[in-house]
Amino acid sequence: MAVTAPAPLLAPSPWRISHVRRELADTFTLTLDPPANSACAPFQPGQFNMLYAFGCGEVPISVSGTAGEGRQLRHTVRAVGAVTGALQRLRAGDVVGVRGPFGAGWPIDESAGNDVVIVAGGIGLAPLRPAIEAILRARNRYGRFIILYGARSPDDILFARDLERWRSRLDTFVDVTVDRAGRAWRGNVGLVTALIARLGLEAEHTTAFLCGPEAMMRFAVRALTDRGVEAGHIYLSLERNMKCGVGLCGRCQLGGTFVCRDGPVFRLDRIA
């Protein structure tokens, strides 16, 4: 029997841009308002939508907003190709097609009672932002909360104001590093994975969420497992060439899984 997906997941709905925020030279955030009288499916931190630039094409983008923002959607996008370049040229009032939400999210509730370590690199902080905000809203349910973030340079630090806000809390540890910097930079210089070595982890009570370049995640996994964190407590968000979003086209197949349907968030012991 052929597998079919519900029509709302195959046809984009028209969402209107209410605000465009320039984050970095090549990165921007779209705030989208839903169509009038539409039923909007709630998203889980870590899920993604397919954003359609009319006349150009479609691209998978993780949700970077939070559930507390009502019916609006927020997507942070880096312009690296034709579709994301077309999205970058849009302004408030323009319309974007939206399909979703799709995929598996971060194990927010399952991590309650554990220490949580976030390791993000570059634009990888965007898919983790909803998870960070969700944990902070229920902070008393978790042990230590650690956020490690790496960027190419000080000018490439994403969500700088959010990082400062998270760092200002007494119950959250935030450490930021850059690959290269000038003399004005007073922070860490080096790989984000090196920050893991400084942590005194209680490995048996630690859950880690990772998102960023795959090389970064590979070395972060090694650093975490070297310190005793079990593979079953490490989660990664993977990026592949996703087209349909529902596991029908096969573009994002990885071994026996489909990243769009079974991910993008995977437990390490299931994907290693």
Protein backbone atom coordinates (compact mmCIF):
# COMPACT_ATOMS: atom_id res chain seq x y z
CA MET A 1 0.00 0.00 0.00
CA ALA A 2 1.38 3.41 -0.91
CA VAL A 3 2.19 5.75 1.95
CA THR A 4 0.61 9.18 1.68
CA ALA A 5 0.99 12.28 3.80
CA PRO A 6 -1.83 14.56 4.95
CA ALA A 7 -2.50 17.37 2.47
CA PRO A 8 -1.52 20.16 4.92
CA LEU A 9 1.99 18.65 5.07
CA LEU A 10 2.33 18.57 1.27
CA ALA A 11 0.90 21.96 0.30
CA PRO A 12 2.39 25.17 1.73
CA SER A 13 0.21 27.64 3.62
CA PRO A 14 0.76 31.38 3.03
CA TRP A 15 2.30 33.05 6.09
CA ARG A 16 2.95 36.78 6.03
CA ILE A 17 6.24 38.26 7.25
CA SER A 18 5.60 40.68 10.11
CA HIS A 19 9.25 41.46 10.89
CA VAL A 20 12.72 40.84 9.49
CA ARG A 21 15.64 41.05 11.90
CA ARG A 22 19.21 41.18 10.63
CA GLU A 23 21.27 38.95 12.94
CA LEU A 24 24.63 38.83 11.10
CA ALA A 25 25.92 39.85 7.68
CA ASP A 26 24.55 36.64 6.13
CA THR A 27 21.96 35.63 8.73
CA PHE A 28 18.45 36.94 9.40
CA THR A 29 15.33 36.03 11.35
CA LEU A 30 11.84 36.00 9.83
CA THR A 31 8.83 36.44 12.12
CA LEU A 32 5.76 35.01 10.38
CA ASP A 33 2.05 35.52 11.02
CA PRO A 34 -0.32 32.65 10.14
CA PRO A 35 -3.16 32.86 7.63
CA ALA A 36 -6.40 34.21 9.08
CA ASN A 37 -8.63 31.61 10.77
CA SER A 38 -6.04 28.85 10.22
CA ALA A 39 -5.38 26.01 12.62
CA CYS A 40 -1.65 26.11 13.39
CA ALA A 41 0.00 22.90 14.54
CA PRO A 42 2.14 23.44 17.66
CA PHE A 43 5.84 22.76 17.21
CA GLN A 44 8.33 21.07 19.50
CA PRO A 45 11.82 22.55 20.10
CA GLY A 46 14.11 21.05 17.48
CA GLN A 47 11.48 20.57 14.76
CA PHE A 48 11.65 22.30 11.39
CA ASN A 49 9.35 23.71 8.72
CA MET A 50 9.72 23.74 4.95
CA LEU A 51 9.83 27.39 3.89
CA TYR A 52 8.81 28.12 0.30
CA ALA A 53 10.09 31.18 -1.54
CA PHE A 54 7.49 31.56 -4.27
CA GLY A 55 8.99 31.24 -7.72
CA CYS A 56 12.26 29.86 -6.37
CA GLY A 57 11.87 26.75 -4.23
CA GLU A 58 11.69 25.27 -0.76
CA VAL A 59 14.18 24.78 2.05
CA PRO A 60 14.06 23.14 5.52
CA ILE A 61 14.62 25.62 8.38
CA SER A 62 14.42 24.82 12.08
CA VAL A 63 12.13 26.89 14.28
CA SER A 64 14.17 29.35 16.37
CA GLY A 65 11.25 30.93 18.21
CA THR A 66 9.56 29.74 21.38
CA ALA A 67 6.16 28.34 22.21
CA GLY A 68 5.42 31.48 24.23
CA GLU A 69 5.25 33.61 21.08
CA GLY A 70 1.63 32.68 20.37
CA ARG A 71 0.67 31.71 16.83
CA GLN A 72 3.70 33.38 15.26
CA LEU A 73 6.64 31.44 13.86
CA ARG A 74 10.25 32.55 13.99
CA HIS A 75 12.92 31.13 11.68
CA THR A 76 16.59 32.12 11.66
CA VAL A 77 18.15 31.61 8.22
CA ARG A 78 21.66 31.85 6.82
CA ALA A 79 21.77 32.88 3.15
CA VAL A 80 23.89 30.19 1.46
CA GLY A 81 21.97 29.29 -1.69
CA ALA A 82 19.28 30.30 -4.18
CA VAL A 83 16.27 29.71 -1.92
CA THR A 84 17.75 31.18 1.25
CA GLY A 85 19.03 34.09 -0.86
CA ALA A 86 15.48 34.67 -2.10
CA LEU A 87 14.17 34.57 1.47
CA GLN A 88 16.82 37.13 2.44
CA ARG A 89 15.42 39.58 -0.10
CA LEU A 90 11.91 39.47 1.36
CA ARG A 91 10.56 42.24 3.56
CA ALA A 92 7.73 42.77 6.05
CA GLY A 93 4.40 42.25 4.29
CA ASP A 94 5.72 39.63 1.86
CA VAL A 95 4.37 36.08 1.95
CA VAL A 96 6.27 32.83 2.56
CA GLY A 97 4.88 29.33 2.07
CA VAL A 98 5.10 27.14 5.19
CA ARG A 99 4.74 23.37 5.54
CA GLY A 100 5.16 21.58 8.84
CA PRO A 101 6.20 21.22 11.57
CA PHE A 102 8.20 18.10 10.80
CA GLY A 103 10.50 15.67 12.56
CA ALA A 104 11.59 14.76 16.07
CA GLY A 105 12.58 17.42 18.59
CA TRP A 106 14.88 17.69 21.60
CA PRO A 107 14.03 15.45 24.60
CA ILE A 108 13.11 18.32 26.92
CA ASP A 109 10.81 16.42 29.29
CA GLU A 110 12.90 13.23 29.20
CA SER A 111 15.94 15.19 30.41
CA ALA A 112 14.24 16.45 33.56
CA GLY A 113 16.27 15.61 36.68
CA ASN A 114 19.57 15.57 34.76
CA ASP A 115 22.27 18.15 34.20
CA VAL A 116 21.92 19.46 30.63
CA VAL A 117 24.85 20.53 28.45
CA ILE A 118 24.18 22.48 25.25
CA VAL A 119 26.98 22.51 22.65
CA ALA A 120 26.33 24.74 19.64
CA GLY A 121 28.42 25.99 16.74
CA GLY A 122 27.56 28.88 14.43
CA ILE A 123 23.99 28.83 13.10
CA GLY A 124 23.52 25.62 15.14
CA LEU A 125 22.45 27.82 18.05
CA ALA A 126 19.17 28.59 16.24
CA PRO A 127 17.62 25.08 16.51
CA LEU A 128 18.76 24.94 20.15
CA ARG A 129 17.31 28.31 21.18
CA PRO A 130 13.74 26.94 21.72
CA ALA A 131 15.16 24.11 23.85
CA ILE A 132 17.19 26.56 25.96
CA GLU A 133 14.16 28.77 26.55
CA ALA A 134 11.98 25.75 27.41
CA ILE A 135 14.49 24.55 30.01
CA LEU A 136 14.80 28.04 31.49
CA ARG A 137 11.02 28.30 31.83
CA ALA A 138 11.05 25.12 33.94
CA ARG A 139 14.52 25.60 35.44
CA ASN A 140 13.74 23.89 38.75
CA ARG A 141 13.18 20.57 36.93
CA TYR A 142 16.84 20.29 35.89
CA GLY A 143 20.24 20.11 37.54
CA ARG A 144 23.15 22.14 36.22
CA PHE A 145 22.47 23.93 32.94
CA ILE A 146 25.51 24.62 30.74
CA ILE A 147 25.54 26.39 27.37
CA LEU A 148 28.72 26.23 25.26
CA TYR A 149 28.80 28.18 22.01
CA GLY A 150 31.44 28.61 19.33
CA ALA A 151 31.57 31.05 16.40
CA ARG A 152 34.11 31.86 13.71
CA SER A 153 34.79 35.37 15.06
CA PRO A 154 33.25 37.90 17.46
CA ASP A 155 31.34 39.39 14.50
CA ASP A 156 29.77 35.97 13.82
CA ILE A 157 28.27 35.44 17.28
CA LEU A 158 24.57 34.67 16.83
CA PHE A 159 21.96 35.82 19.37
CA ALA A 160 24.52 37.84 21.32
CA ARG A 161 21.82 39.51 23.42
CA ASP A 162 20.26 36.15 24.27
CA LEU A 163 23.65 34.79 25.29
CA GLU A 164 24.15 37.77 27.61
CA ARG A 165 20.66 37.32 29.06
CA TRP A 166 21.24 33.62 29.70
CA ARG A 167 24.66 34.33 31.19
CA SER A 168 23.19 36.90 33.59
CA ARG A 169 21.19 34.19 35.36
CA LEU A 170 22.71 32.70 38.49
CA ASP A 171 21.40 29.23 37.61
CA THR A 172 22.94 28.95 34.12
CA PHE A 173 26.57 28.71 32.98
CA VAL A 174 27.38 30.16 29.54
CA ASP A 175 30.79 30.00 27.85
CA VAL A 176 31.53 31.40 24.39
CA THR A 177 34.59 30.91 22.20
CA VAL A 178 35.66 32.04 18.72
CA ASP A 179 38.04 30.54 16.19
CA ARG A 180 39.87 33.82 15.65
CA ALA A 181 39.73 37.32 17.13
CA GLY A 182 41.49 40.65 17.31
CA ARG A 183 43.04 42.25 20.37
CA ALA A 184 39.73 43.77 21.47
CA TRP A 185 38.26 40.33 22.16
CA ARG A 186 38.51 39.35 25.84
CA GLY A 187 36.91 35.93 25.63
CA ASN A 188 38.02 32.42 24.72
CA VAL A 189 39.78 31.66 21.45
CA GLY A 190 39.72 28.08 20.20
CA LEU A 191 37.35 25.25 19.42
CA VAL A 192 34.08 24.98 21.33
CA THR A 193 34.87 21.33 21.98
CA ALA A 194 37.84 22.41 24.11
CA LEU A 195 35.40 24.03 26.55
CA ILE A 196 34.01 20.60 27.41
CA ALA A 197 37.34 19.62 28.95
CA ARG A 198 36.94 22.39 31.53
CA LEU A 199 33.62 21.09 32.81
CA GLY A 200 33.41 18.92 35.88
CA LEU A 201 30.65 16.65 34.63
CA GLU A 202 28.71 14.08 36.61
CA ALA A 203 28.56 11.86 33.57
CA GLU A 204 25.86 9.48 34.77
CA HIS A 205 23.50 12.41 35.34
CA THR A 206 24.32 14.42 32.18
CA THR A 207 22.31 14.84 28.98
CA ALA A 208 23.88 16.71 26.04
CA PHE A 209 22.23 18.46 23.07
CA LEU A 210 24.54 19.18 20.08
CA CYS A 211 23.98 21.19 16.91
CA GLY A 212 26.49 22.71 14.51
CA PRO A 213 28.96 21.63 11.82
CA GLU A 214 29.28 17.85 11.75
CA ALA A 215 33.02 17.97 12.42
CA MET A 216 32.32 19.99 15.56
CA MET A 217 29.68 17.52 16.71
CA ARG A 218 31.99 14.58 16.05
CA PHE A 219 34.71 16.04 18.29
CA ALA A 220 32.16 17.13 20.89
CA VAL A 221 30.82 13.57 21.05
CA ARG A 222 34.35 12.29 21.59
CA ALA A 223 34.99 14.80 24.36
CA LEU A 224 31.73 13.92 26.10
CA THR A 225 32.12 10.14 25.83
CA ASP A 226 35.76 10.41 26.99
CA ARG A 227 34.32 11.95 30.17
CA GLY A 228 31.87 9.11 30.64
CA VAL A 229 28.67 10.54 29.17
CA GLU A 230 26.73 7.63 27.68
CA ALA A 231 25.78 7.62 23.99
CA GLY A 232 22.16 7.20 25.03
CA HIS A 233 22.29 10.61 26.72
CA ILE A 234 23.76 12.52 23.75
CA TYR A 235 21.45 14.01 21.11
CA LEU A 236 22.46 15.54 17.78
CA SER A 237 20.54 17.55 15.19
CA LEU A 238 21.57 16.49 11.69
CA GLU A 239 21.20 18.41 8.45
CA ARG A 240 20.59 16.70 5.13
CA ASN A 241 19.07 17.55 1.75
CA MET A 242 15.39 17.39 2.75
CA LYS A 243 12.75 17.90 0.05
CA CYS A 244 9.40 16.39 1.03
CA GLY A 245 9.63 16.57 4.84
CA VAL A 246 7.64 13.36 5.35
CA GLY A 247 10.03 10.55 4.33
CA LEU A 248 8.55 9.94 0.87
CA CYS A 249 11.17 11.23 -1.57
CA GLY A 250 14.21 9.54 0.00
CA ARG A 251 16.51 12.55 -0.49
CA CYS A 252 17.56 12.64 3.18
CA GLN A 253 18.00 8.90 3.76
CA LEU A 254 20.83 8.12 6.15
CA GLY A 255 21.36 4.40 6.57
CA GLY A 256 17.97 3.00 7.52
CA THR A 257 16.55 6.34 8.63
CA PHE A 258 15.14 9.46 7.05
CA VAL A 259 16.40 12.68 8.63
CA CYS A 260 13.16 14.57 7.93
CA ARG A 261 10.93 11.91 9.47
CA ASP A 262 13.08 10.18 12.10
CA GLY A 263 15.20 13.26 12.95
CA PRO A 264 16.52 15.85 12.65
CA VAL A 265 17.26 15.17 16.33
CA PHE A 266 18.75 11.73 16.89
CA ARG A 267 20.09 9.92 19.93
CA LEU A 268 23.73 9.11 19.36
CA ASP A 269 23.48 5.38 20.00
CA ARG A 270 20.81 5.13 17.28
CA ILE A 271 22.71 7.04 14.60
CA ALA A 272 26.42 6.57 15.37
